[in-house]
Each structure stands twice: as structure tokens, then as C-alpha cells.
């Protein structure tokens, strides 16, 4: 079973990006993306990649980001 860790601070986003952790993204209590990695971020936007050419941009304040860890 997977364990989720909520990402909120720049340090948490940076750690997840450095270790290329899989991320799950929620908006309005619905999963909108899963199994992606963070490629870059700033104060307003989180950029994730799902494949070779799959880049997606999510507003940091409108979404919730969770690192997925296997137990």
C-alpha cells in the first residue's frame, strides 16, 4: 500500500524533485494527475513530467501535491 506525504514548502518540493519521487496531484478533492515527477517549480507554478514529452503546469495554490511512497 502506498503512503502519501503532502508537499507544501519549497524544501519539500525540492527534495521530491531531487529524488524524482512520484507525485499525485489533487484539485477540488479529485485526483487530476498521478505518477508524475516534478521538473521545476516556483512560488506560483509546479511543472511535472509524465513522459518524454508530457509536461504539465499546475497552479501551486489551487492544487494539493503529495509524494507517493511505497511501504
N, C-alpha and C. Protein backbone atom coordinates (compact mmCIF):
# COMPACT_ATOMS: atom_id res chain seq x y z
N UNK A 1 0.84 -1.18 0.00
CA UNK A 1 0.00 0.00 0.00
C UNK A 1 0.89 1.25 0.00
N UNK A 2 0.48 2.26 -0.71
CA UNK A 2 1.25 3.48 -0.83
C UNK A 2 1.01 4.40 0.36
N UNK A 3 2.03 5.14 0.70
CA UNK A 3 1.94 6.15 1.76
C UNK A 3 2.14 7.51 1.11
N UNK A 4 1.32 8.47 1.46
CA UNK A 4 1.39 9.80 0.86
C UNK A 4 1.95 10.81 1.85
N UNK A 5 2.81 11.72 1.34
CA UNK A 5 3.34 12.82 2.14
C UNK A 5 3.00 14.11 1.41
N UNK A 6 2.27 14.97 2.08
CA UNK A 6 1.87 16.24 1.47
C UNK A 6 3.08 17.16 1.30
N UNK A 7 3.17 17.78 0.13
CA UNK A 7 4.25 18.72 -0.16
C UNK A 7 3.69 20.14 -0.09
N UNK A 8 4.32 20.96 0.75
CA UNK A 8 3.85 22.33 0.92
C UNK A 8 4.96 23.36 0.80
N UNK A 9 6.12 23.07 1.33
CA UNK A 9 7.20 24.06 1.38
C UNK A 9 8.14 23.89 0.18
N UNK A 10 8.92 24.93 -0.07
CA UNK A 10 9.93 24.85 -1.14
C UNK A 10 10.91 23.71 -0.87
N UNK A 11 11.29 23.52 0.37
CA UNK A 11 12.21 22.45 0.72
C UNK A 11 11.62 21.08 0.39
N UNK A 12 10.34 20.87 0.70
CA UNK A 12 9.70 19.59 0.40
C UNK A 12 9.61 19.36 -1.11
N UNK A 13 9.26 20.41 -1.87
CA UNK A 13 9.21 20.28 -3.32
C UNK A 13 10.60 19.99 -3.88
N UNK A 14 11.62 20.65 -3.35
CA UNK A 14 12.98 20.45 -3.83
C UNK A 14 13.47 19.03 -3.55
N UNK A 15 13.17 18.50 -2.36
CA UNK A 15 13.55 17.13 -2.02
C UNK A 15 12.88 16.13 -2.97
N UNK A 16 11.59 16.32 -3.22
CA UNK A 16 10.86 15.43 -4.12
C UNK A 16 11.42 15.52 -5.54
N UNK A 17 11.79 16.72 -5.98
CA UNK A 17 12.34 16.90 -7.31
C UNK A 17 13.72 16.25 -7.41
N UNK A 18 14.55 16.42 -6.39
CA UNK A 18 15.91 15.85 -6.40
C UNK A 18 15.90 14.33 -6.47
N UNK A 19 15.00 13.69 -5.75
CA UNK A 19 14.97 12.23 -5.77
C UNK A 19 13.99 11.65 -6.79
N UNK A 20 13.41 12.53 -7.62
CA UNK A 20 12.48 12.15 -8.68
C UNK A 20 11.35 11.26 -8.14
N UNK A 21 10.80 11.68 -7.01
CA UNK A 21 9.71 10.95 -6.39
C UNK A 21 8.45 11.06 -7.23
N UNK A 22 7.64 10.02 -7.21
CA UNK A 22 6.36 10.06 -7.91
C UNK A 22 5.39 10.92 -7.13
N UNK A 23 4.65 11.76 -7.86
CA UNK A 23 3.76 12.74 -7.25
C UNK A 23 2.32 12.46 -7.66
N UNK A 24 1.42 12.68 -6.74
CA UNK A 24 -0.02 12.60 -7.01
C UNK A 24 -0.59 14.00 -6.76
N UNK A 25 -1.44 14.49 -7.68
CA UNK A 25 -1.95 15.86 -7.62
C UNK A 25 -3.47 15.84 -7.52
N UNK A 26 -3.99 16.60 -6.56
CA UNK A 26 -5.43 16.71 -6.34
C UNK A 26 -5.88 18.15 -6.57
N UNK A 27 -7.09 18.29 -7.07
CA UNK A 27 -7.74 19.59 -7.19
C UNK A 27 -9.22 19.39 -6.89
N UNK A 28 -9.75 20.18 -5.98
CA UNK A 28 -11.16 20.06 -5.56
C UNK A 28 -11.49 18.63 -5.14
N UNK A 29 -10.59 18.01 -4.37
CA UNK A 29 -10.76 16.65 -3.84
C UNK A 29 -10.83 15.56 -4.91
N UNK A 30 -10.30 15.82 -6.09
CA UNK A 30 -10.25 14.83 -7.16
C UNK A 30 -8.81 14.68 -7.63
N UNK A 31 -8.40 13.45 -7.91
CA UNK A 31 -7.07 13.23 -8.48
C UNK A 31 -7.08 13.74 -9.91
N UNK A 32 -6.16 14.65 -10.23
CA UNK A 32 -6.07 15.16 -11.60
C UNK A 32 -4.82 14.67 -12.31
N UNK A 33 -3.85 14.15 -11.54
CA UNK A 33 -2.65 13.58 -12.16
C UNK A 33 -1.97 12.68 -11.13
N UNK A 34 -1.28 11.66 -11.63
CA UNK A 34 -0.63 10.71 -10.73
C UNK A 34 0.55 10.07 -11.44
N UNK A 35 1.57 9.70 -10.66
CA UNK A 35 2.73 9.04 -11.22
C UNK A 35 3.63 9.95 -12.04
N UNK A 36 3.65 11.22 -11.70
CA UNK A 36 4.47 12.20 -12.41
C UNK A 36 5.62 12.64 -11.50
N UNK A 37 6.64 13.26 -12.09
CA UNK A 37 7.77 13.78 -11.32
C UNK A 37 7.86 15.29 -11.52
N UNK A 38 8.32 15.98 -10.50
CA UNK A 38 8.48 17.44 -10.57
C UNK A 38 9.75 17.75 -11.35
N UNK A 39 9.63 18.62 -12.35
CA UNK A 39 10.81 19.04 -13.11
C UNK A 39 11.30 20.42 -12.69
N UNK A 40 10.38 21.28 -12.29
CA UNK A 40 10.74 22.60 -11.74
C UNK A 40 9.52 23.20 -11.05
N UNK A 41 9.78 24.24 -10.26
CA UNK A 41 8.69 24.91 -9.54
C UNK A 41 9.12 26.31 -9.17
N UNK A 42 8.12 27.14 -8.89
CA UNK A 42 8.36 28.48 -8.33
C UNK A 42 7.23 28.76 -7.36
N UNK A 43 7.06 30.02 -6.97
CA UNK A 43 6.05 30.37 -5.98
C UNK A 43 4.63 30.16 -6.48
N UNK A 44 4.42 30.15 -7.79
CA UNK A 44 3.07 30.07 -8.34
C UNK A 44 2.75 28.78 -9.08
N UNK A 45 3.76 28.12 -9.65
CA UNK A 45 3.52 27.00 -10.55
C UNK A 45 4.43 25.82 -10.23
N UNK A 46 3.84 24.62 -10.36
CA UNK A 46 4.61 23.39 -10.27
C UNK A 46 4.56 22.74 -11.65
N UNK A 47 5.72 22.41 -12.20
CA UNK A 47 5.80 21.77 -13.51
C UNK A 47 6.15 20.31 -13.30
N UNK A 48 5.33 19.42 -13.86
CA UNK A 48 5.57 17.99 -13.72
C UNK A 48 5.70 17.35 -15.10
N UNK A 49 6.35 16.20 -15.13
CA UNK A 49 6.54 15.48 -16.38
C UNK A 49 6.04 14.06 -16.20
N UNK A 50 5.26 13.60 -17.21
CA UNK A 50 4.71 12.25 -17.13
C UNK A 50 5.37 11.30 -18.11
N UNK A 51 6.13 11.83 -19.04
CA UNK A 51 6.81 11.00 -20.02
C UNK A 51 7.83 11.84 -20.76
N UNK A 52 8.21 11.38 -21.93
CA UNK A 52 9.23 12.09 -22.69
C UNK A 52 8.78 13.50 -23.05
N UNK A 53 7.55 13.65 -23.51
CA UNK A 53 7.09 14.97 -23.94
C UNK A 53 5.89 15.48 -23.14
N UNK A 54 5.53 14.82 -22.07
CA UNK A 54 4.35 15.20 -21.31
C UNK A 54 4.64 16.14 -20.17
N UNK A 55 4.69 17.44 -20.44
CA UNK A 55 4.87 18.45 -19.39
C UNK A 55 3.53 19.07 -19.05
N UNK A 56 3.28 19.22 -17.76
CA UNK A 56 2.03 19.81 -17.31
C UNK A 56 2.33 20.86 -16.25
N UNK A 57 1.58 21.94 -16.28
CA UNK A 57 1.76 23.07 -15.38
C UNK A 57 0.54 23.17 -14.46
N UNK A 58 0.77 23.19 -13.15
CA UNK A 58 -0.32 23.26 -12.19
C UNK A 58 -0.11 24.45 -11.26
N UNK A 59 -1.18 25.20 -10.98
CA UNK A 59 -1.05 26.32 -10.04
C UNK A 59 -0.84 25.79 -8.62
N UNK A 60 0.14 26.32 -7.97
CA UNK A 60 0.53 25.83 -6.64
C UNK A 60 -0.57 26.03 -5.60
N UNK A 61 -1.29 27.13 -5.68
CA UNK A 61 -2.30 27.42 -4.66
C UNK A 61 -3.63 26.71 -4.91
N UNK A 62 -3.90 26.29 -6.13
CA UNK A 62 -5.18 25.67 -6.45
C UNK A 62 -5.16 24.15 -6.31
N UNK A 63 -3.97 23.57 -6.18
CA UNK A 63 -3.84 22.12 -6.14
C UNK A 63 -3.14 21.67 -4.87
N UNK A 64 -3.30 20.38 -4.56
CA UNK A 64 -2.58 19.76 -3.46
C UNK A 64 -1.64 18.72 -4.06
N UNK A 65 -0.42 18.68 -3.55
CA UNK A 65 0.61 17.81 -4.11
C UNK A 65 1.07 16.83 -3.03
N UNK A 66 1.15 15.55 -3.41
CA UNK A 66 1.55 14.52 -2.48
C UNK A 66 2.63 13.65 -3.10
N UNK A 67 3.67 13.38 -2.32
CA UNK A 67 4.68 12.43 -2.73
C UNK A 67 4.17 11.04 -2.36
N UNK A 68 4.24 10.11 -3.30
CA UNK A 68 3.77 8.75 -3.08
C UNK A 68 4.96 7.86 -2.79
N UNK A 69 4.92 7.19 -1.64
CA UNK A 69 5.99 6.28 -1.25
C UNK A 69 5.40 4.88 -1.08
N UNK A 70 6.13 3.89 -1.53
CA UNK A 70 5.72 2.51 -1.28
C UNK A 70 6.20 2.09 0.09
N UNK A 71 5.37 1.37 0.82
CA UNK A 71 5.75 0.90 2.17
C UNK A 71 6.65 -0.30 2.07
